């Protein structure tokens, strides 16, 4: 897999685009992934079923999924109740089966913010195969 130099500057890891190879590539080089962002996966039947099993919200399940994958999680909320809910993800763990179900819950989707000017810098990493 190659990352297109002209289109890529920053990667946002989402619940619907798992970027397994990219995360492995970054981890080998001691680079942290940027974070996650959610789409309509909150209504995905697999996510809802797992949330029901754990008595948690779908959002909490997706945050926990990202944490167990070793990602940096930056949930966004201005509601005190939602902020508290987002923090309450450390009292349970997802099983290997649940992790696998979530890894394949949605087809890959992503957002990229391209900064073509950066591609001329000698430290620009996005032309490296991984």
C-alpha atoms as a PDB file:
ATOM      1  CA  UNK A   1       0.000   0.000   0.000  1.00  0.00           C
ATOM      2  CA  UNK A   2       1.263   3.491  -0.811  1.00  0.00           C
ATOM      3  CA  UNK A   3      -0.056   6.758   0.550  1.00  0.00           C
ATOM      4  CA  UNK A   4      -0.589   9.312  -2.182  1.00  0.00           C
ATOM      5  CA  UNK A   5       1.839  12.163  -1.460  1.00  0.00           C
ATOM      6  CA  UNK A   6      -0.340  14.769  -3.136  1.00  0.00           C
ATOM      7  CA  UNK A   7      -3.461  13.895  -1.164  1.00  0.00           C
ATOM      8  CA  UNK A   8      -2.112  13.199   2.286  1.00  0.00           C
ATOM      9  CA  UNK A   9      -0.895  15.373   5.099  1.00  0.00           C
ATOM     10  CA  UNK A  10      -2.746  14.206   8.172  1.00  0.00           C
ATOM     11  CA  UNK A  11      -4.643  11.009   8.883  1.00  0.00           C
ATOM     12  CA  UNK A  12      -7.700  10.851  11.093  1.00  0.00           C
ATOM     13  CA  UNK A  13      -8.345   7.325  12.301  1.00  0.00           C
ATOM     14  CA  UNK A  14     -12.070   6.679  12.385  1.00  0.00           C
ATOM     15  CA  UNK A  15     -14.210   3.905  13.737  1.00  0.00           C
ATOM     16  CA  UNK A  16     -15.148   3.059  10.156  1.00  0.00           C
ATOM     17  CA  UNK A  17     -11.665   3.101   8.674  1.00  0.00           C
ATOM     18  CA  UNK A  18      -9.481   0.887  10.779  1.00  0.00           C
ATOM     19  CA  UNK A  19      -6.094   1.613   9.111  1.00  0.00           C
ATOM     20  CA  UNK A  20      -4.602  -1.565  10.604  1.00  0.00           C
ATOM     21  CA  UNK A  21      -1.514  -1.472   8.361  1.00  0.00           C
ATOM     22  CA  UNK A  22      -0.969   2.260   8.908  1.00  0.00           C
ATOM     23  CA  UNK A  23      -1.221   1.915  12.696  1.00  0.00           C
ATOM     24  CA  UNK A  24       1.256  -0.975  12.646  1.00  0.00           C
ATOM     25  CA  UNK A  25       3.595   1.106  10.448  1.00  0.00           C
ATOM     26  CA  UNK A  26       3.372   4.067  12.862  1.00  0.00           C
ATOM     27  CA  UNK A  27       3.820   1.903  15.968  1.00  0.00           C
ATOM     28  CA  UNK A  28       7.022   0.393  14.570  1.00  0.00           C
ATOM     29  CA  UNK A  29       8.372   3.931  14.265  1.00  0.00           C
ATOM     30  CA  UNK A  30       7.085   5.076  17.690  1.00  0.00           C
ATOM     31  CA  UNK A  31       4.618   7.515  16.103  1.00  0.00           C
ATOM     32  CA  UNK A  32       1.185   7.993  17.674  1.00  0.00           C
ATOM     33  CA  UNK A  33      -1.932   7.978  15.523  1.00  0.00           C
ATOM     34  CA  UNK A  34      -3.732  11.319  15.448  1.00  0.00           C
ATOM     35  CA  UNK A  35      -7.070  10.258  16.927  1.00  0.00           C
ATOM     36  CA  UNK A  36     -10.492   9.007  15.964  1.00  0.00           C
ATOM     37  CA  UNK A  37     -13.734  10.419  14.692  1.00  0.00           C
ATOM     38  CA  UNK A  38     -17.115   8.707  14.428  1.00  0.00           C
ATOM     39  CA  UNK A  39     -19.679   8.568  11.625  1.00  0.00           C
ATOM     40  CA  UNK A  40     -23.105   6.921  11.596  1.00  0.00           C
ATOM     41  CA  UNK A  41     -21.474   3.750  12.932  1.00  0.00           C
ATOM     42  CA  UNK A  42     -23.229   4.587  16.225  1.00  0.00           C
ATOM     43  CA  UNK A  43     -26.336   2.954  14.724  1.00  0.00           C
ATOM     44  CA  UNK A  44     -24.476  -0.069  13.322  1.00  0.00           C
ATOM     45  CA  UNK A  45     -26.234  -3.254  14.557  1.00  0.00           C
ATOM     46  CA  UNK A  46     -22.943  -4.828  15.675  1.00  0.00           C
ATOM     47  CA  UNK A  47     -22.023  -1.760  17.724  1.00  0.00           C
ATOM     48  CA  UNK A  48     -25.515  -1.496  19.223  1.00  0.00           C
ATOM     49  CA  UNK A  49     -25.512  -5.217  20.128  1.00  0.00           C
ATOM     50  CA  UNK A  50     -22.110  -5.007  21.839  1.00  0.00           C
ATOM     51  CA  UNK A  51     -23.214  -1.844  23.680  1.00  0.00           C
ATOM     52  CA  UNK A  52     -26.314  -3.641  24.944  1.00  0.00           C
ATOM     53  CA  UNK A  53     -24.205  -6.580  26.185  1.00  0.00           C
ATOM     54  CA  UNK A  54     -21.992  -4.237  28.223  1.00  0.00           C
ATOM     55  CA  UNK A  55     -24.795  -1.863  29.289  1.00  0.00           C
ATOM     56  CA  UNK A  56     -22.891   0.993  27.637  1.00  0.00           C
ATOM     57  CA  UNK A  57     -23.658   3.465  24.862  1.00  0.00           C
ATOM     58  CA  UNK A  58     -22.453   2.818  21.297  1.00  0.00           C
ATOM     59  CA  UNK A  59     -20.095   5.780  21.696  1.00  0.00           C
ATOM     60  CA  UNK A  60     -18.511   4.226  24.777  1.00  0.00           C
ATOM     61  CA  UNK A  61     -18.019   0.957  22.882  1.00  0.00           C
ATOM     62  CA  UNK A  62     -16.260   2.746  20.018  1.00  0.00           C
ATOM     63  CA  UNK A  63     -14.035   4.708  22.401  1.00  0.00           C
ATOM     64  CA  UNK A  64     -13.128   1.499  24.244  1.00  0.00           C
ATOM     65  CA  UNK A  65     -12.442  -0.244  20.910  1.00  0.00           C
ATOM     66  CA  UNK A  66      -9.988   2.489  19.927  1.00  0.00           C
ATOM     67  CA  UNK A  67      -8.285   2.411  23.343  1.00  0.00           C
ATOM     68  CA  UNK A  68      -7.817  -1.354  23.145  1.00  0.00           C
ATOM     69  CA  UNK A  69      -6.270  -0.865  19.699  1.00  0.00           C
ATOM     70  CA  UNK A  70      -3.714   1.441  21.305  1.00  0.00           C
ATOM     71  CA  UNK A  71      -4.994   4.615  19.661  1.00  0.00           C
ATOM     72  CA  UNK A  72      -5.078   8.099  21.126  1.00  0.00           C
ATOM     73  CA  UNK A  73      -8.749   8.957  21.648  1.00  0.00           C
ATOM     74  CA  UNK A  74      -9.979  12.552  21.555  1.00  0.00           C
ATOM     75  CA  UNK A  75     -13.776  12.516  22.002  1.00  0.00           C
ATOM     76  CA  UNK A  76     -15.576  15.802  21.402  1.00  0.00           C
ATOM     77  CA  UNK A  77     -18.449  17.019  23.554  1.00  0.00           C
ATOM     78  CA  UNK A  78     -19.655  20.134  25.336  1.00  0.00           C
ATOM     79  CA  UNK A  79     -22.345  18.338  27.338  1.00  0.00           C
ATOM     80  CA  UNK A  80     -21.276  17.513  30.930  1.00  0.00           C
ATOM     81  CA  UNK A  81     -23.276  14.264  30.774  1.00  0.00           C
ATOM     82  CA  UNK A  82     -21.609  13.179  27.521  1.00  0.00           C
ATOM     83  CA  UNK A  83     -18.151  14.133  28.811  1.00  0.00           C
ATOM     84  CA  UNK A  84     -18.749  11.934  31.874  1.00  0.00           C
ATOM     85  CA  UNK A  85     -19.998   9.112  29.634  1.00  0.00           C
ATOM     86  CA  UNK A  86     -16.896   9.406  27.435  1.00  0.00           C
ATOM     87  CA  UNK A  87     -14.661   9.020  30.502  1.00  0.00           C
ATOM     88  CA  UNK A  88     -16.550   5.951  31.772  1.00  0.00           C
ATOM     89  CA  UNK A  89     -14.821   3.477  29.426  1.00  0.00           C
ATOM     90  CA  UNK A  90     -12.173   1.980  31.705  1.00  0.00           C
ATOM     91  CA  UNK A  91     -14.314  -0.373  33.818  1.00  0.00           C
ATOM     92  CA  UNK A  92     -14.779  -2.984  31.093  1.00  0.00           C
ATOM     93  CA  UNK A  93     -12.926  -4.634  28.218  1.00  0.00           C
ATOM     94  CA  UNK A  94     -14.085  -5.886  24.855  1.00  0.00           C
ATOM     95  CA  UNK A  95     -13.436  -9.540  24.079  1.00  0.00           C
ATOM     96  CA  UNK A  96     -11.284 -10.606  21.130  1.00  0.00           C
ATOM     97  CA  UNK A  97     -14.479 -11.625  19.331  1.00  0.00           C
ATOM     98  CA  UNK A  98     -16.066  -8.202  19.943  1.00  0.00           C
ATOM     99  CA  UNK A  99     -12.892  -6.444  18.792  1.00  0.00           C
ATOM    100  CA  UNK A 100     -12.957  -8.503  15.599  1.00  0.00           C
ATOM    101  CA  UNK A 101     -16.637  -7.686  15.061  1.00  0.00           C
ATOM    102  CA  UNK A 102     -15.916  -3.971  15.441  1.00  0.00           C
ATOM    103  CA  UNK A 103     -12.862  -4.130  13.171  1.00  0.00           C
ATOM    104  CA  UNK A 104     -15.149  -5.248  10.354  1.00  0.00           C
ATOM    105  CA  UNK A 105     -18.334  -3.356  11.303  1.00  0.00           C
ATOM    106  CA  UNK A 106     -18.195  -0.878   8.415  1.00  0.00           C
ATOM    107  CA  UNK A 107     -16.383  -0.581   5.107  1.00  0.00           C
ATOM    108  CA  UNK A 108     -13.259   1.570   5.241  1.00  0.00           C
ATOM    109  CA  UNK A 109     -13.877   5.299   5.255  1.00  0.00           C
ATOM    110  CA  UNK A 110     -11.506   8.135   6.028  1.00  0.00           C
ATOM    111  CA  UNK A 111     -10.887  11.858   5.877  1.00  0.00           C
ATOM    112  CA  UNK A 112      -7.607  13.305   4.695  1.00  0.00           C
ATOM    113  CA  UNK A 113      -6.308  16.831   4.814  1.00  0.00           C
ATOM    114  CA  UNK A 114      -3.721  17.301   2.115  1.00  0.00           C
ATOM    115  CA  UNK A 115      -0.881  19.777   2.426  1.00  0.00           C
ATOM    116  CA  UNK A 116       0.961  19.560  -0.884  1.00  0.00           C
ATOM    117  CA  UNK A 117       3.602  22.084   0.204  1.00  0.00           C
ATOM    118  CA  UNK A 118       4.822  19.650   2.862  1.00  0.00           C
ATOM    119  CA  UNK A 119       5.589  16.983   0.262  1.00  0.00           C
ATOM    120  CA  UNK A 120       8.756  18.848  -0.751  1.00  0.00           C
ATOM    121  CA  UNK A 121      10.259  18.644   2.747  1.00  0.00           C
ATOM    122  CA  UNK A 122      12.993  16.006   3.187  1.00  0.00           C
ATOM    123  CA  UNK A 123      11.272  14.677   6.334  1.00  0.00           C
ATOM    124  CA  UNK A 124       7.935  14.136   4.543  1.00  0.00           C
ATOM    125  CA  UNK A 125       7.071  10.485   5.349  1.00  0.00           C
ATOM    126  CA  UNK A 126       4.073   9.756   3.150  1.00  0.00           C
ATOM    127  CA  UNK A 127       5.939   8.328   0.171  1.00  0.00           C
ATOM    128  CA  UNK A 128       7.171   5.403   2.275  1.00  0.00           C
ATOM    129  CA  UNK A 129       5.553   2.036   1.576  1.00  0.00           C
ATOM    130  CA  UNK A 130       3.970   0.307   4.527  1.00  0.00           C
END
